[in-house]
Amino acid sequence: MAVYLNNGVNVTINSVDLSAYVSSVVVTREFDEVETTAMGDAGHKRIAGLSNDSFTISFQQDFAATKVNATLESVLDTSSKTTTCVVKPTSAAVGATNPSYTGTIFVGSWTPINGGVGDLATVDATFKVNGAIAKAIA
């Protein structure tokens, strides 16, 4: 098994590479559990239901044009505006050892300022995926 240092993750939102401002990223791929237990079963049975994927990202805030805040504010909407989020282990080309995880996200909330006196300006955001995350290896 290869060992990998998680310090070059590539994050792109709305076609803007925000990797230099990301201090943490979590790609969550999960499905609702649908119980199918029937009479006479000795234990619970389940199948996968709907996908409930998300991206959780910690950003170091930057208010300059085409940076973190401008990118997220441009897609913040309370109606049906969505954008694409792509996360890869490194900035290298997509392949078997560098898969991409792509999802269409709805940005329904954004907290542009968060922190106390003397803190690094950071923003933690969780973006729910509309549909499911697509994994690509080529």
C-alpha atoms as a PDB file:
ATOM      1  CA  MET A   1       0.000   0.000   0.000  1.00  0.00           C
ATOM      2  CA  ALA A   2       1.309   3.418  -0.944  1.00  0.00           C
ATOM      3  CA  VAL A   3       1.637   6.095   1.718  1.00  0.00           C
ATOM      4  CA  TYR A   4       0.342   9.511   0.809  1.00  0.00           C
ATOM      5  CA  LEU A   5       0.758  12.912   2.465  1.00  0.00           C
ATOM      6  CA  ASN A   6      -2.464  14.893   2.321  1.00  0.00           C
ATOM      7  CA  ASN A   7      -0.859  18.259   1.557  1.00  0.00           C
ATOM      8  CA  GLY A   8      -1.504  18.756  -2.153  1.00  0.00           C
ATOM      9  CA  VAL A   9      -5.250  18.252  -2.442  1.00  0.00           C
ATOM     10  CA  ASN A  10      -6.735  20.134  -5.379  1.00  0.00           C
ATOM     11  CA  VAL A  11     -10.111  21.861  -4.874  1.00  0.00           C
ATOM     12  CA  THR A  12     -11.951  23.627  -7.669  1.00  0.00           C
ATOM     13  CA  ILE A  13     -15.319  25.320  -7.239  1.00  0.00           C
ATOM     14  CA  ASN A  14     -17.137  26.994 -10.118  1.00  0.00           C
ATOM     15  CA  SER A  15     -14.006  26.399 -12.270  1.00  0.00           C
ATOM     16  CA  VAL A  16     -11.849  28.412  -9.807  1.00  0.00           C
ATOM     17  CA  ASP A  17      -8.877  26.618  -8.244  1.00  0.00           C
ATOM     18  CA  LEU A  18      -9.084  27.418  -4.521  1.00  0.00           C
ATOM     19  CA  SER A  19      -6.494  24.842  -3.425  1.00  0.00           C
ATOM     20  CA  ALA A  20      -4.079  27.429  -2.030  1.00  0.00           C
ATOM     21  CA  TYR A  21      -6.778  28.516   0.462  1.00  0.00           C
ATOM     22  CA  VAL A  22      -7.884  25.068   1.644  1.00  0.00           C
ATOM     23  CA  SER A  23      -6.571  23.757   4.960  1.00  0.00           C
ATOM     24  CA  SER A  24      -8.867  20.739   5.212  1.00  0.00           C
ATOM     25  CA  VAL A  25     -11.249  18.842   2.954  1.00  0.00           C
ATOM     26  CA  VAL A  26     -13.555  15.886   3.526  1.00  0.00           C
ATOM     27  CA  VAL A  27     -15.304  14.081   0.684  1.00  0.00           C
ATOM     28  CA  THR A  28     -18.243  12.107   2.063  1.00  0.00           C
ATOM     29  CA  ARG A  29     -19.959   9.486  -0.063  1.00  0.00           C
ATOM     30  CA  GLU A  30     -22.902   7.924   1.722  1.00  0.00           C
ATOM     31  CA  PHE A  31     -26.317   6.454   1.096  1.00  0.00           C
ATOM     32  CA  ASP A  32     -29.462   6.507   3.166  1.00  0.00           C
ATOM     33  CA  GLU A  33     -30.158   3.132   4.738  1.00  0.00           C
ATOM     34  CA  VAL A  34     -33.507   1.707   3.688  1.00  0.00           C
ATOM     35  CA  GLU A  35     -34.710  -1.093   5.908  1.00  0.00           C
ATOM     36  CA  THR A  36     -36.123  -4.130   4.116  1.00  0.00           C
ATOM     37  CA  THR A  37     -36.671  -6.373   7.129  1.00  0.00           C
ATOM     38  CA  ALA A  38     -39.699  -8.610   6.682  1.00  0.00           C
ATOM     39  CA  MET A  39     -41.668 -10.950   8.892  1.00  0.00           C
ATOM     40  CA  GLY A  40     -39.693 -14.066   9.709  1.00  0.00           C
ATOM     41  CA  ASP A  41     -36.257 -12.412   9.314  1.00  0.00           C
ATOM     42  CA  ALA A  42     -33.834 -13.142  12.144  1.00  0.00           C
ATOM     43  CA  GLY A  43     -32.207  -9.732  11.909  1.00  0.00           C
ATOM     44  CA  HIS A  44     -32.449  -6.384  10.194  1.00  0.00           C
ATOM     45  CA  LYS A  45     -31.883  -6.149   6.444  1.00  0.00           C
ATOM     46  CA  ARG A  46     -30.986  -2.997   4.573  1.00  0.00           C
ATOM     47  CA  ILE A  47     -30.366  -1.708   1.074  1.00  0.00           C
ATOM     48  CA  ALA A  48     -28.815   1.516  -0.142  1.00  0.00           C
ATOM     49  CA  GLY A  49     -31.288   4.322  -0.655  1.00  0.00           C
ATOM     50  CA  LEU A  50     -30.649   7.754  -2.058  1.00  0.00           C
ATOM     51  CA  SER A  51     -27.163   9.214  -2.181  1.00  0.00           C
ATOM     52  CA  ASN A  52     -26.406  11.839   0.483  1.00  0.00           C
ATOM     53  CA  ASP A  53     -22.921  13.002  -0.565  1.00  0.00           C
ATOM     54  CA  SER A  54     -21.156  16.172   0.561  1.00  0.00           C
ATOM     55  CA  PHE A  55     -17.926  18.153   0.544  1.00  0.00           C
ATOM     56  CA  THR A  56     -16.750  19.735   3.822  1.00  0.00           C
ATOM     57  CA  ILE A  57     -14.016  22.297   3.274  1.00  0.00           C
ATOM     58  CA  SER A  58     -12.053  24.591   5.601  1.00  0.00           C
ATOM     59  CA  PHE A  59     -10.944  27.714   3.759  1.00  0.00           C
ATOM     60  CA  GLN A  60      -8.489  30.413   4.715  1.00  0.00           C
ATOM     61  CA  GLN A  61     -10.579  33.441   3.778  1.00  0.00           C
ATOM     62  CA  ASP A  62      -9.565  35.860   1.014  1.00  0.00           C
ATOM     63  CA  PHE A  63     -11.827  38.699  -0.153  1.00  0.00           C
ATOM     64  CA  ALA A  64      -9.917  39.524  -3.362  1.00  0.00           C
ATOM     65  CA  ALA A  65     -11.556  39.070  -6.757  1.00  0.00           C
ATOM     66  CA  THR A  66     -11.629  35.443  -7.995  1.00  0.00           C
ATOM     67  CA  LYS A  67     -10.594  34.158  -4.568  1.00  0.00           C
ATOM     68  CA  VAL A  68     -12.556  32.360  -1.838  1.00  0.00           C
ATOM     69  CA  ASN A  69     -15.268  34.853  -0.914  1.00  0.00           C
ATOM     70  CA  ALA A  70     -15.903  36.133  -4.441  1.00  0.00           C
ATOM     71  CA  THR A  71     -16.165  32.585  -5.769  1.00  0.00           C
ATOM     72  CA  LEU A  72     -18.633  31.420  -3.126  1.00  0.00           C
ATOM     73  CA  GLU A  73     -20.673  34.635  -3.047  1.00  0.00           C
ATOM     74  CA  SER A  74     -21.123  34.413  -6.831  1.00  0.00           C
ATOM     75  CA  VAL A  75     -22.928  31.076  -6.498  1.00  0.00           C
ATOM     76  CA  LEU A  76     -24.732  31.779  -3.222  1.00  0.00           C
ATOM     77  CA  ASP A  77     -28.428  31.694  -3.925  1.00  0.00           C
ATOM     78  CA  THR A  78     -31.633  30.805  -2.181  1.00  0.00           C
ATOM     79  CA  SER A  79     -33.307  29.403  -5.290  1.00  0.00           C
ATOM     80  CA  SER A  80     -31.883  26.725  -7.547  1.00  0.00           C
ATOM     81  CA  LYS A  81     -28.407  27.976  -8.478  1.00  0.00           C
ATOM     82  CA  THR A  82     -25.813  25.192  -8.455  1.00  0.00           C
ATOM     83  CA  THR A  83     -22.153  24.905  -9.339  1.00  0.00           C
ATOM     84  CA  THR A  84     -19.524  22.216  -9.692  1.00  0.00           C
ATOM     85  CA  CYS A  85     -17.023  21.157  -7.033  1.00  0.00           C
ATOM     86  CA  VAL A  86     -14.071  18.942  -7.975  1.00  0.00           C
ATOM     87  CA  VAL A  87     -11.636  17.451  -5.455  1.00  0.00           C
ATOM     88  CA  LYS A  88      -8.493  15.480  -6.364  1.00  0.00           C
ATOM     89  CA  PRO A  89      -5.700  14.152  -4.127  1.00  0.00           C
ATOM     90  CA  THR A  90      -3.159  16.206  -6.140  1.00  0.00           C
ATOM     91  CA  SER A  91      -3.133  18.694  -8.998  1.00  0.00           C
ATOM     92  CA  ALA A  92      -1.762  16.014 -11.358  1.00  0.00           C
ATOM     93  CA  ALA A  93      -3.835  14.541 -14.168  1.00  0.00           C
ATOM     94  CA  VAL A  94      -6.731  12.308 -13.195  1.00  0.00           C
ATOM     95  CA  GLY A  95      -5.764   8.642 -13.116  1.00  0.00           C
ATOM     96  CA  ALA A  96      -5.981   5.456 -11.064  1.00  0.00           C
ATOM     97  CA  THR A  97      -3.710   6.941  -8.368  1.00  0.00           C
ATOM     98  CA  ASN A  98      -5.249  10.441  -8.564  1.00  0.00           C
ATOM     99  CA  PRO A  99      -9.031  10.082  -8.838  1.00  0.00           C
ATOM    100  CA  SER A 100     -11.324  13.067  -9.097  1.00  0.00           C
ATOM    101  CA  TYR A 101     -14.520  13.438  -7.116  1.00  0.00           C
ATOM    102  CA  THR A 102     -17.009  15.739  -8.832  1.00  0.00           C
ATOM    103  CA  GLY A 103     -20.374  16.898  -7.599  1.00  0.00           C
ATOM    104  CA  THR A 104     -22.950  19.546  -8.365  1.00  0.00           C
ATOM    105  CA  ILE A 105     -23.389  21.553  -5.188  1.00  0.00           C
ATOM    106  CA  PHE A 106     -26.035  23.968  -3.998  1.00  0.00           C
ATOM    107  CA  VAL A 107     -24.563  26.810  -1.952  1.00  0.00           C
ATOM    108  CA  GLY A 108     -27.461  27.743   0.294  1.00  0.00           C
ATOM    109  CA  SER A 109     -25.441  29.311   3.091  1.00  0.00           C
ATOM    110  CA  TRP A 110     -22.067  30.987   3.399  1.00  0.00           C
ATOM    111  CA  THR A 111     -20.439  32.548   6.476  1.00  0.00           C
ATOM    112  CA  PRO A 112     -17.883  35.008   5.089  1.00  0.00           C
ATOM    113  CA  ILE A 113     -16.598  36.205   8.477  1.00  0.00           C
ATOM    114  CA  ASN A 114     -15.974  33.810  11.350  1.00  0.00           C
ATOM    115  CA  GLY A 115     -13.506  34.117  14.212  1.00  0.00           C
ATOM    116  CA  GLY A 116     -12.215  36.049  17.153  1.00  0.00           C
ATOM    117  CA  VAL A 117      -9.593  38.689  17.772  1.00  0.00           C
ATOM    118  CA  GLY A 118      -6.227  37.642  16.399  1.00  0.00           C
ATOM    119  CA  ASP A 119      -7.567  34.473  14.739  1.00  0.00           C
ATOM    120  CA  LEU A 120      -6.695  33.431  11.237  1.00  0.00           C
ATOM    121  CA  ALA A 121      -9.699  34.298   9.053  1.00  0.00           C
ATOM    122  CA  THR A 122     -11.127  30.895   8.221  1.00  0.00           C
ATOM    123  CA  VAL A 123     -14.452  29.605   6.968  1.00  0.00           C
ATOM    124  CA  ASP A 124     -15.770  26.064   7.345  1.00  0.00           C
ATOM    125  CA  ALA A 125     -18.445  25.061   4.852  1.00  0.00           C
ATOM    126  CA  THR A 126     -20.343  21.893   4.047  1.00  0.00           C
ATOM    127  CA  PHE A 127     -21.771  21.642   0.568  1.00  0.00           C
ATOM    128  CA  LYS A 128     -24.466  19.040  -0.053  1.00  0.00           C
ATOM    129  CA  VAL A 129     -24.317  17.406  -3.479  1.00  0.00           C
ATOM    130  CA  ASN A 130     -27.335  17.392  -5.766  1.00  0.00           C
ATOM    131  CA  GLY A 131     -27.450  13.808  -6.937  1.00  0.00           C
ATOM    132  CA  ALA A 132     -24.257  11.877  -6.258  1.00  0.00           C
ATOM    133  CA  ILE A 133     -20.499  12.444  -6.404  1.00  0.00           C
ATOM    134  CA  ALA A 134     -18.964  11.023  -9.552  1.00  0.00           C
ATOM    135  CA  LYS A 135     -15.548   9.385  -9.185  1.00  0.00           C
ATOM    136  CA  ALA A 136     -13.309   9.405 -12.259  1.00  0.00           C
ATOM    137  CA  ILE A 137      -9.954   7.654 -12.756  1.00  0.00           C
ATOM    138  CA  ALA A 138      -9.337   8.567 -16.396  1.00  0.00           C
END
